[in-house]
Amino acid sequence: MNYYDYTYDVAVFGGGPSGLAAAITAARQGRRVILLEKNGYLGGNLATGLPPLSVLDEHGNQCIAGFCQEVLERLESDGHCYGTRVCPKHNSVSNLHADYLKILAIEMCQEAKVDILLHCETREVRVVNGAVEKVMLYGKCNEIGITAKVYIDCTGDGDVAYLAGCSYEKGQPGTGVLQPPTVMFTLENVDNTKLFDYIETHPEEVKFSKTIDQKPGYDAAYFKASPNHIFVGMTVLFKKLQEEGKLPVNRESMICINGLNPGQVYINSTRLLNVDATDIRDLTRAELEGQTQIPKLIEVFRRYVPGFENCWLSAICPNLGVRETRRFAGIRRIVAEEATAGLVPDDSIALSGYKMDIHNGMNCTTVFQTIDKPFGVPYGCLVSRERSNLMFAGRCASTDARVIGSTRVMSVCMAMGQAAGVGAALAAEHNIAPGDVDVQQIRGILREQGAILSREQ
């Protein structure tokens, strides 16, 4: 077995939306940074066809900028993103090309001089006197030791924080039920015009249950006006097919994300119940069930959904899309009452304006609750309460079970990652713990980088 030992100022684990933002931002602050990723590509869920949601808030005001906006603008300038568009359901959507995002992620890391190591997963975290001393990883019969001043866990599941012995929560209160994951897949040769002509004469297909908030205007005219959209619908059809025993998934509607190639759509419609993606047995079952649901769904689409009669499968996402697992104890924790009240504390390092979007892991229902005003994400939600040099960003950050329904979307994850990168860089520069960094200094740097930290901005 080969053994490699590396020392850095900042080590970032996980190359998804939050990890990319954290690593690139810390490196731009002059720190030596390594980014470690389990897959053979960067981007995480950004590279699946899922678009960033809620760059704009409920009222159409921009609440996410900074690193996220830079990514979208660079893709758009090369013709690989449709930009950001107001959406009556998701506040805003920013459709992009999944594979060009992977390429851009590499380019941005190389420009910032971030070192990258792929195909490796965390195996052991050594803790001494309440601080992470070293993280051991394993990949392809290689063992890798990483020593850093600051460690940032952006793995989604919080693998580093978990192995470091940090406290965490999982699932909804009282039940522990986790939101269900999804296997994304790509279809080609879809006739959107035919689909939206049908929706124009059957508007009931985009009406939802009482637990799902939605503004007027989410209709055929909206979908026809621009290719920049996510179509969620066929609720009447899905209910009918469920009653007849012809629907292979337990869900209320199909989710169809328009791609950038003609006739291309990304489908977010598999549903995998009773899954804990931190359990290797559940994770395996979900991957297998999700992939085998795909041909059954395609057959349903071809037979019953206008515009899909001649569609064909072109790709299955190589990774399960996980909505929720562990949330770790930070020196601060956001709770639902703060979010729904739109509180923006003085130590906020990001805003979240997305709805509380909670898919039930036991059945087909979803809660989609509007947040009228964006709320602030305090810096302390990114700083471990128990390990002095450990941070986290993304869906493993410190929130309650309802708030993660808003903060788990990729635009907010990028904003959190950018703030973690600034905080970690300052901590490494001054040889102090991330929790001892002046939050107002972090906020000042984030503003210089174009981040939005208040509704007044």
Protein backbone atom coordinates (compact mmCIF):
# COMPACT_ATOMS: atom_id res chain seq x y z
CA MET A 1 0.00 0.00 0.00
CA ASN A 2 1.21 3.50 -0.86
CA TYR A 3 1.21 6.12 1.88
CA TYR A 4 1.12 9.88 1.26
CA ASP A 5 1.35 12.57 3.90
CA TYR A 6 0.40 16.20 3.21
CA THR A 7 0.31 19.41 5.24
CA TYR A 8 -1.87 22.41 4.35
CA ASP A 9 -3.33 25.55 5.86
CA VAL A 10 -6.88 24.47 5.03
CA ALA A 11 -8.25 21.04 4.09
CA VAL A 12 -11.73 20.87 2.55
CA PHE A 13 -13.54 17.55 2.38
CA GLY A 14 -16.20 17.22 -0.32
CA GLY A 15 -16.12 18.89 -3.75
CA GLY A 16 -19.82 19.74 -4.05
CA PRO A 17 -21.30 23.26 -4.03
CA SER A 18 -20.19 24.17 -0.51
CA GLY A 19 -16.80 22.49 -0.78
CA LEU A 20 -15.94 24.19 -4.07
CA ALA A 21 -16.85 27.57 -2.64
CA ALA A 22 -14.89 26.95 0.57
CA ALA A 23 -11.72 25.67 -1.10
CA ILE A 24 -11.55 28.28 -3.85
CA THR A 25 -12.36 31.15 -1.49
CA ALA A 26 -9.75 30.09 1.08
CA ALA A 27 -7.12 29.71 -1.65
CA ARG A 28 -7.94 33.14 -3.05
CA GLN A 29 -7.20 34.50 0.44
CA GLY A 30 -3.64 33.28 0.03
CA ARG A 31 -3.84 30.00 1.95
CA ARG A 32 -2.50 26.61 0.85
CA VAL A 33 -5.62 24.50 0.30
CA ILE A 34 -6.37 20.89 -0.60
CA LEU A 35 -9.80 19.70 -1.75
CA LEU A 36 -10.58 16.00 -1.24
CA GLU A 37 -13.46 14.33 -3.07
CA LYS A 38 -14.79 10.76 -3.16
CA ASN A 39 -15.96 10.94 -6.79
CA GLY A 40 -13.96 11.20 -9.99
CA TYR A 41 -15.37 14.68 -10.69
CA LEU A 42 -16.15 17.92 -8.88
CA GLY A 43 -19.50 19.64 -8.48
CA GLY A 44 -21.59 17.22 -6.42
CA ASN A 45 -25.29 17.87 -6.99
CA LEU A 46 -24.45 20.86 -9.19
CA ALA A 47 -23.21 18.31 -11.71
CA THR A 48 -26.46 16.31 -11.83
CA GLY A 49 -28.67 18.74 -13.78
CA LEU A 50 -30.25 20.21 -10.67
CA PRO A 51 -30.25 24.01 -10.95
CA PRO A 52 -29.47 26.37 -8.08
CA LEU A 53 -32.77 27.54 -6.59
CA SER A 54 -33.73 30.77 -4.85
CA VAL A 55 -30.89 33.04 -5.83
CA LEU A 56 -33.89 35.38 -5.58
CA ASP A 57 -36.27 35.51 -2.63
CA GLU A 58 -40.07 35.20 -2.52
CA HIS A 59 -40.43 38.77 -3.82
CA GLY A 60 -37.87 38.55 -6.62
CA ASN A 61 -35.06 40.32 -4.76
CA GLN A 62 -31.58 38.86 -5.05
CA CYS A 63 -30.50 37.22 -1.77
CA ILE A 64 -27.53 35.10 -2.97
CA ALA A 65 -24.59 36.51 -4.93
CA GLY A 66 -20.83 36.20 -4.41
CA PHE A 67 -19.33 32.86 -5.41
CA CYS A 68 -22.66 31.45 -6.61
CA GLN A 69 -23.24 34.37 -8.94
CA GLU A 70 -19.70 34.08 -10.29
CA VAL A 71 -20.29 30.42 -11.20
CA LEU A 72 -23.57 31.19 -12.94
CA GLU A 73 -22.16 34.17 -14.82
CA ARG A 74 -19.13 32.24 -16.04
CA LEU A 75 -21.32 29.42 -17.29
CA GLU A 76 -23.76 31.84 -18.90
CA SER A 77 -20.99 33.74 -20.69
CA ASP A 78 -19.99 30.48 -22.40
CA GLY A 79 -23.59 29.55 -23.25
CA HIS A 80 -23.85 26.85 -20.56
CA CYS A 81 -26.42 28.49 -18.27
CA TYR A 82 -29.72 30.28 -18.88
CA GLY A 83 -29.06 32.77 -16.09
CA THR A 84 -31.52 33.29 -13.24
CA ARG A 85 -35.27 33.61 -13.72
CA VAL A 86 -38.09 34.34 -11.29
CA CYS A 87 -40.17 31.22 -10.58
CA PRO A 88 -43.64 31.34 -8.96
CA LYS A 89 -42.88 28.02 -7.26
CA HIS A 90 -39.14 27.95 -6.45
CA ASN A 91 -38.57 31.75 -6.13
CA SER A 92 -35.98 31.47 -8.92
CA VAL A 93 -34.25 28.85 -11.03
CA SER A 94 -30.89 28.94 -12.83
CA ASN A 95 -30.78 26.06 -15.32
CA LEU A 96 -27.26 24.99 -16.28
CA HIS A 97 -25.34 22.35 -18.22
CA ALA A 98 -24.27 19.66 -15.75
CA ASP A 99 -21.14 18.50 -17.57
CA TYR A 100 -19.77 21.95 -18.35
CA LEU A 101 -20.19 22.72 -14.65
CA LYS A 102 -17.73 19.89 -13.91
CA ILE A 103 -15.20 21.46 -16.26
CA LEU A 104 -15.67 24.93 -14.78
CA ALA A 105 -15.17 23.54 -11.27
CA ILE A 106 -11.76 22.17 -12.26
CA GLU A 107 -10.77 25.41 -13.98
CA MET A 108 -11.73 27.56 -10.98
CA CYS A 109 -9.77 25.32 -8.60
CA GLN A 110 -6.72 25.43 -10.86
CA GLU A 111 -6.92 29.22 -11.20
CA ALA A 112 -7.00 29.55 -7.38
CA LYS A 113 -4.17 26.99 -7.04
CA VAL A 114 -6.29 24.55 -5.02
CA ASP A 115 -4.71 21.10 -4.89
CA ILE A 116 -7.24 18.35 -5.67
CA LEU A 117 -7.31 14.70 -4.70
CA LEU A 118 -10.16 12.57 -6.07
CA HIS A 119 -11.33 9.01 -5.39
CA CYS A 120 -10.65 9.10 -1.65
CA GLU A 121 -12.88 8.82 1.41
CA THR A 122 -12.28 9.64 5.05
CA ARG A 123 -11.26 6.60 7.11
CA GLU A 124 -10.11 8.03 10.45
CA VAL A 125 -9.99 11.37 12.26
CA ARG A 126 -7.42 11.79 15.02
CA VAL A 127 -8.40 14.23 17.77
CA VAL A 128 -6.00 15.56 20.41
CA ASN A 129 -7.02 17.99 23.17
CA GLY A 130 -10.31 18.85 21.48
CA ALA A 131 -8.78 19.62 18.08
CA VAL A 132 -8.44 17.59 14.89
CA GLU A 133 -4.79 16.60 14.59
CA LYS A 134 -4.92 14.56 11.39
CA VAL A 135 -7.42 13.07 8.94
CA MET A 136 -6.67 9.74 7.30
CA LEU A 137 -8.22 8.90 3.94
CA TYR A 138 -8.21 5.80 1.79
CA GLY A 139 -8.56 5.30 -1.95
CA LYS A 140 -7.41 2.75 -4.53
CA CYS A 141 -5.17 0.96 -2.01
CA ASN A 142 -3.54 4.26 -1.07
CA GLU A 143 -3.58 5.75 2.41
CA ILE A 144 -3.44 9.53 2.68
CA GLY A 145 -2.71 11.56 5.80
CA ILE A 146 -3.84 15.20 5.88
CA THR A 147 -2.60 17.65 8.50
CA ALA A 148 -4.06 21.16 8.40
CA LYS A 149 -4.56 24.20 10.56
CA VAL A 150 -8.29 24.21 9.74
CA TYR A 151 -10.51 21.40 8.45
CA ILE A 152 -13.81 22.09 6.66
CA ASP A 153 -16.35 19.27 6.33
CA CYS A 154 -18.43 19.77 3.18
CA THR A 155 -19.25 16.08 2.66
CA GLY A 156 -22.99 16.57 3.12
CA ASP A 157 -23.19 13.63 5.51
CA GLY A 158 -20.53 15.14 7.78
CA ASP A 159 -18.14 12.21 7.49
CA VAL A 160 -15.20 14.06 9.04
CA ALA A 161 -17.25 15.55 11.88
CA TYR A 162 -18.80 12.14 12.57
CA LEU A 163 -15.44 10.39 12.78
CA ALA A 164 -14.18 13.24 14.94
CA GLY A 165 -16.84 12.31 17.48
CA CYS A 166 -18.97 15.44 17.07
CA SER A 167 -22.59 15.55 18.25
CA TYR A 168 -25.28 15.52 15.57
CA GLU A 169 -29.02 15.23 14.87
CA LYS A 170 -30.79 13.25 12.18
CA GLY A 171 -34.32 13.33 10.81
CA GLN A 172 -37.55 15.00 11.80
CA PRO A 173 -38.26 15.54 15.51
CA GLY A 174 -40.12 12.71 17.22
CA THR A 175 -39.80 10.29 14.31
CA GLY A 176 -36.21 10.57 13.07
CA VAL A 177 -37.56 10.12 9.52
CA LEU A 178 -35.14 11.44 6.90
CA GLN A 179 -36.12 13.10 3.65
CA PRO A 180 -35.95 10.59 0.76
CA PRO A 181 -33.05 10.64 -1.72
CA THR A 182 -33.37 10.57 -5.51
CA VAL A 183 -31.48 9.06 -8.44
CA MET A 184 -31.43 11.72 -11.16
CA PHE A 185 -31.50 10.75 -14.84
CA THR A 186 -31.45 12.47 -18.22
CA LEU A 187 -33.91 12.05 -21.08
CA GLU A 188 -33.54 13.21 -24.68
CA ASN A 189 -36.02 13.85 -27.50
CA VAL A 190 -38.69 15.38 -25.25
CA ASP A 191 -41.21 17.71 -26.93
CA ASN A 192 -41.77 20.46 -24.37
CA THR A 193 -44.13 22.35 -26.66
CA LYS A 194 -46.50 19.40 -26.73
CA LEU A 195 -46.31 19.04 -22.94
CA PHE A 196 -47.09 22.70 -22.31
CA ASP A 197 -49.89 22.76 -24.90
CA TYR A 198 -51.45 19.97 -22.85
CA ILE A 199 -50.94 21.89 -19.60
CA GLU A 200 -52.61 24.92 -21.20
CA THR A 201 -55.83 22.91 -21.62
CA HIS A 202 -55.36 20.94 -18.39
CA PRO A 203 -54.23 23.54 -15.79
CA GLU A 204 -55.32 21.19 -13.01
CA GLU A 205 -52.13 19.20 -13.66
CA VAL A 206 -50.06 21.90 -11.94
CA LYS A 207 -52.29 22.22 -8.85
CA PHE A 208 -50.85 20.84 -5.63
CA SER A 209 -51.87 19.71 -2.17
CA LYS A 210 -52.59 22.19 0.62
CA THR A 211 -49.15 21.59 2.18
CA ILE A 212 -47.42 23.06 -0.89
CA ASP A 213 -47.27 26.87 -1.20
CA GLN A 214 -47.20 28.41 -4.64
CA LYS A 215 -47.86 31.83 -6.13
CA PRO A 216 -50.12 32.38 -9.17
CA GLY A 217 -48.51 32.22 -12.59
CA TYR A 218 -47.00 28.74 -12.46
CA ASP A 219 -48.77 27.72 -15.66
CA ALA A 220 -48.33 26.91 -19.34
CA ALA A 221 -47.69 30.54 -20.26
CA TYR A 222 -44.82 30.67 -17.75
CA PHE A 223 -43.21 27.49 -19.10
CA LYS A 224 -43.58 28.57 -22.72
CA ALA A 225 -42.04 31.99 -22.10
CA SER A 226 -38.52 30.72 -21.41
CA PRO A 227 -36.46 27.51 -21.44
CA ASN A 228 -35.24 28.48 -17.94
CA HIS A 229 -37.67 26.47 -15.82
CA ILE A 230 -38.44 23.43 -13.69
CA PHE A 231 -41.74 21.74 -14.50
CA VAL A 232 -43.44 20.12 -11.54
CA GLY A 233 -46.83 18.68 -12.42
CA MET A 234 -49.04 15.90 -13.76
CA THR A 235 -50.59 15.68 -10.29
CA VAL A 236 -53.97 14.49 -11.56
CA LEU A 237 -52.36 11.86 -13.77
CA PHE A 238 -50.09 10.62 -11.00
CA LYS A 239 -52.97 10.32 -8.55
CA LYS A 240 -55.01 8.36 -11.12
CA LEU A 241 -52.09 6.04 -11.93
CA GLN A 242 -51.45 5.43 -8.24
CA GLU A 243 -55.08 4.47 -7.69
CA GLU A 244 -54.85 2.07 -10.64
CA GLY A 245 -51.56 0.58 -9.41
CA LYS A 246 -49.68 1.77 -12.50
CA LEU A 247 -47.24 4.23 -10.92
CA PRO A 248 -43.85 2.71 -9.97
CA VAL A 249 -42.99 5.45 -7.45
CA ASN A 250 -44.77 6.81 -4.39
CA ARG A 251 -44.93 10.50 -5.23
CA GLU A 252 -47.45 13.24 -6.05
CA SER A 253 -45.92 14.65 -9.25
CA MET A 254 -43.09 14.49 -11.76
CA ILE A 255 -40.18 16.95 -11.62
CA CYS A 256 -38.71 17.79 -15.01
CA ILE A 257 -35.77 20.22 -15.29
CA ASN A 258 -35.14 21.69 -18.71
CA GLY A 259 -31.66 21.06 -20.09
CA LEU A 260 -29.59 23.27 -22.36
CA ASN A 261 -29.62 20.89 -25.33
CA PRO A 262 -32.76 20.72 -27.50
CA GLY A 263 -35.16 18.05 -26.24
CA GLN A 264 -33.05 17.36 -23.13
CA VAL A 265 -34.51 17.21 -19.62
CA TYR A 266 -33.18 16.13 -16.23
CA ILE A 267 -35.68 14.05 -14.25
CA ASN A 268 -35.93 14.22 -10.46
CA SER A 269 -38.78 11.74 -10.02
CA THR A 270 -37.49 8.56 -8.45
CA ARG A 271 -38.45 8.29 -4.77
CA LEU A 272 -36.68 6.10 -2.25
CA LEU A 273 -38.44 5.80 1.10
CA ASN A 274 -37.12 4.74 4.51
CA VAL A 275 -33.50 5.44 3.57
CA ASP A 276 -30.65 6.56 5.80
CA ALA A 277 -27.87 7.38 3.35
CA THR A 278 -25.23 7.10 6.10
CA ASP A 279 -25.98 3.36 6.36
CA ILE A 280 -24.11 1.50 3.60
CA ARG A 281 -26.93 -1.06 3.34
CA ASP A 282 -29.59 1.61 2.87
CA LEU A 283 -27.34 3.52 0.50
CA THR A 284 -26.85 0.43 -1.65
CA ARG A 285 -30.56 -0.38 -1.65
CA ALA A 286 -31.44 3.19 -2.63
CA GLU A 287 -28.97 3.24 -5.52
CA LEU A 288 -30.26 -0.08 -6.85
CA GLU A 289 -33.95 0.72 -6.37
CA GLY A 290 -33.53 4.18 -7.84
CA GLN A 291 -31.84 2.93 -10.97
CA THR A 292 -34.38 0.15 -11.50
CA GLN A 293 -37.25 2.63 -11.06
CA ILE A 294 -35.98 4.58 -14.07
CA PRO A 295 -37.13 2.30 -16.95
CA LYS A 296 -40.51 1.92 -15.26
CA LEU A 297 -40.89 5.68 -15.02
CA ILE A 298 -39.81 6.14 -18.63
CA GLU A 299 -42.48 3.68 -19.73
CA VAL A 300 -45.10 5.65 -17.76
CA PHE A 301 -43.92 8.92 -19.30
CA ARG A 302 -44.01 7.48 -22.82
CA ARG A 303 -47.52 6.08 -22.39
CA TYR A 304 -49.22 8.85 -20.46
CA VAL A 305 -47.31 12.17 -20.54
CA PRO A 306 -47.69 14.28 -23.70
CA GLY A 307 -44.37 15.16 -25.30
CA PHE A 308 -42.56 12.13 -23.88
CA GLU A 309 -43.80 9.55 -26.40
CA ASN A 310 -40.44 9.24 -28.15
CA CYS A 311 -38.06 10.09 -25.31
CA TRP A 312 -35.01 7.99 -24.56
CA LEU A 313 -32.58 7.61 -21.67
CA SER A 314 -29.14 9.16 -22.17
CA ALA A 315 -27.62 9.18 -18.67
CA ILE A 316 -28.11 8.08 -15.07
CA CYS A 317 -26.48 10.25 -12.42
CA PRO A 318 -23.51 8.35 -10.95
CA ASN A 319 -24.40 9.44 -7.40
CA LEU A 320 -27.52 9.32 -5.29
CA GLY A 321 -29.00 12.76 -4.60
CA VAL A 322 -29.31 12.90 -0.81
CA ARG A 323 -31.55 15.54 0.78
CA GLU A 324 -30.81 14.98 4.46
CA THR A 325 -28.63 13.02 6.86
CA ARG A 326 -26.58 14.40 9.79
CA ARG A 327 -26.67 17.98 11.10
CA PHE A 328 -23.82 18.81 13.46
CA ALA A 329 -23.62 20.89 16.63
CA GLY A 330 -22.19 24.32 15.94
CA ILE A 331 -21.56 27.17 18.34
CA ARG A 332 -24.81 28.51 16.88
CA ARG A 333 -27.91 26.69 15.57
CA ILE A 334 -30.75 28.08 13.43
CA VAL A 335 -34.27 27.03 14.40
CA ALA A 336 -37.47 27.26 12.37
CA GLU A 337 -38.95 30.11 14.42
CA GLU A 338 -35.98 32.33 13.51
CA ALA A 339 -36.23 31.39 9.85
CA THR A 340 -39.95 31.99 9.47
CA ALA A 341 -39.60 35.32 11.29
CA GLY A 342 -36.93 36.37 8.78
CA LEU A 343 -34.36 37.15 11.47
CA VAL A 344 -30.98 38.37 10.20
CA PRO A 345 -28.54 38.48 13.16
CA ASP A 346 -25.50 40.78 13.13
CA ASP A 347 -23.23 37.76 12.68
CA SER A 348 -24.97 36.48 9.53
CA ILE A 349 -22.64 35.35 6.75
CA ALA A 350 -25.35 34.39 4.23
CA LEU A 351 -29.06 34.70 3.59
CA SER A 352 -31.54 31.94 2.75
CA GLY A 353 -34.81 32.82 1.05
CA TYR A 354 -35.84 29.38 -0.18
CA LYS A 355 -38.96 27.69 1.11
CA MET A 356 -38.87 25.03 3.81
CA ASP A 357 -39.01 22.15 1.37
CA ILE A 358 -39.42 18.89 3.31
CA HIS A 359 -40.13 15.64 1.47
CA ASN A 360 -41.66 12.96 3.66
CA GLY A 361 -39.40 9.91 3.84
CA MET A 362 -42.31 7.58 4.62
CA ASN A 363 -44.86 8.49 1.91
CA CYS A 364 -45.52 10.69 -1.12
CA THR A 365 -46.30 13.94 0.71
CA THR A 366 -44.23 17.13 0.75
CA VAL A 367 -44.32 20.29 2.87
CA PHE A 368 -43.40 23.40 0.86
CA GLN A 369 -43.71 26.38 3.21
CA THR A 370 -43.07 29.94 2.03
CA ILE A 371 -40.50 32.07 3.82
CA ASP A 372 -41.67 35.65 3.28
CA LYS A 373 -38.33 37.31 4.07
CA PRO A 374 -34.84 35.79 3.77
CA PHE A 375 -33.29 34.82 7.09
CA GLY A 376 -29.66 35.05 8.11
CA VAL A 377 -27.27 32.14 8.55
CA PRO A 378 -24.99 33.00 11.50
CA TYR A 379 -21.27 32.26 11.22
CA GLY A 380 -21.47 30.02 14.30
CA CYS A 381 -23.58 27.49 12.35
CA LEU A 382 -20.39 26.68 10.42
CA VAL A 383 -18.09 26.31 13.45
CA SER A 384 -17.94 23.08 15.44
CA ARG A 385 -18.95 23.41 19.08
CA GLU A 386 -16.68 20.50 20.04
CA ARG A 387 -13.59 20.53 17.79
CA SER A 388 -11.74 23.83 17.86
CA ASN A 389 -10.28 23.71 14.33
CA LEU A 390 -13.22 22.05 12.56
CA MET A 391 -15.85 23.78 10.42
CA PHE A 392 -18.71 22.52 8.28
CA ALA A 393 -20.76 23.97 5.42
CA GLY A 394 -23.66 22.69 3.35
CA ARG A 395 -26.44 20.46 4.58
CA CYS A 396 -24.43 19.16 7.56
CA ALA A 397 -24.29 22.67 9.08
CA SER A 398 -25.96 23.45 12.39
CA THR A 399 -29.73 23.81 11.84
CA ASP A 400 -32.90 22.15 13.04
CA ALA A 401 -34.85 19.61 11.00
CA ARG A 402 -37.14 22.16 9.39
CA VAL A 403 -34.55 24.80 8.54
CA ILE A 404 -32.49 22.30 6.55
CA GLY A 405 -35.44 22.21 4.12
CA SER A 406 -34.36 25.73 3.12
CA THR A 407 -30.59 25.76 3.65
CA ARG A 408 -29.91 22.49 1.81
CA VAL A 409 -30.41 24.07 -1.63
CA MET A 410 -27.22 24.61 -3.59
CA SER A 411 -27.25 28.41 -3.74
CA VAL A 412 -27.30 28.61 0.07
CA CYS A 413 -24.67 25.84 0.31
CA MET A 414 -22.34 27.88 -1.91
CA ALA A 415 -22.91 30.97 0.22
CA MET A 416 -22.10 29.00 3.39
CA GLY A 417 -19.03 27.49 1.74
CA GLN A 418 -17.75 30.91 0.71
CA ALA A 419 -18.08 32.16 4.30
CA ALA A 420 -16.39 29.05 5.69
CA GLY A 421 -13.51 29.60 3.27
CA VAL A 422 -13.02 33.18 4.46
CA GLY A 423 -13.26 32.19 8.14
CA ALA A 424 -10.84 29.29 7.72
CA ALA A 425 -8.35 31.40 5.78
CA LEU A 426 -8.29 34.07 8.51
CA ALA A 427 -7.97 31.45 11.25
CA ALA A 428 -5.06 29.77 9.45
CA GLU A 429 -3.36 33.09 8.75
CA HIS A 430 -3.43 34.17 12.40
CA ASN A 431 -3.04 30.68 13.93
CA ILE A 432 -6.29 30.95 15.87
CA ALA A 433 -9.43 28.83 16.06
CA PRO A 434 -12.18 29.58 13.52
CA GLY A 435 -14.50 30.42 16.41
CA ASP A 436 -12.10 33.19 17.51
CA VAL A 437 -12.05 34.99 14.17
CA ASP A 438 -13.71 38.42 14.13
CA VAL A 439 -17.05 37.81 12.44
CA GLN A 440 -17.31 41.42 11.30
CA GLN A 441 -13.97 41.03 9.51
CA ILE A 442 -15.38 37.95 7.75
CA ARG A 443 -18.50 39.90 6.80
CA GLY A 444 -16.41 42.77 5.44
CA ILE A 445 -14.41 40.42 3.19
CA LEU A 446 -17.59 38.66 2.04
CA ARG A 447 -19.12 42.01 1.06
CA GLU A 448 -15.97 42.83 -0.92
CA GLN A 449 -16.46 39.49 -2.68
CA GLY A 450 -20.02 40.46 -3.62
CA ALA A 451 -21.90 38.38 -1.04
CA ILE A 452 -25.28 39.57 0.18
CA LEU A 453 -25.57 39.65 3.97
CA SER A 454 -28.65 41.78 4.58
CA ARG A 455 -32.02 42.48 2.99
CA GLU A 456 -30.96 46.12 2.61
CA GLN A 457 -28.21 45.08 0.21
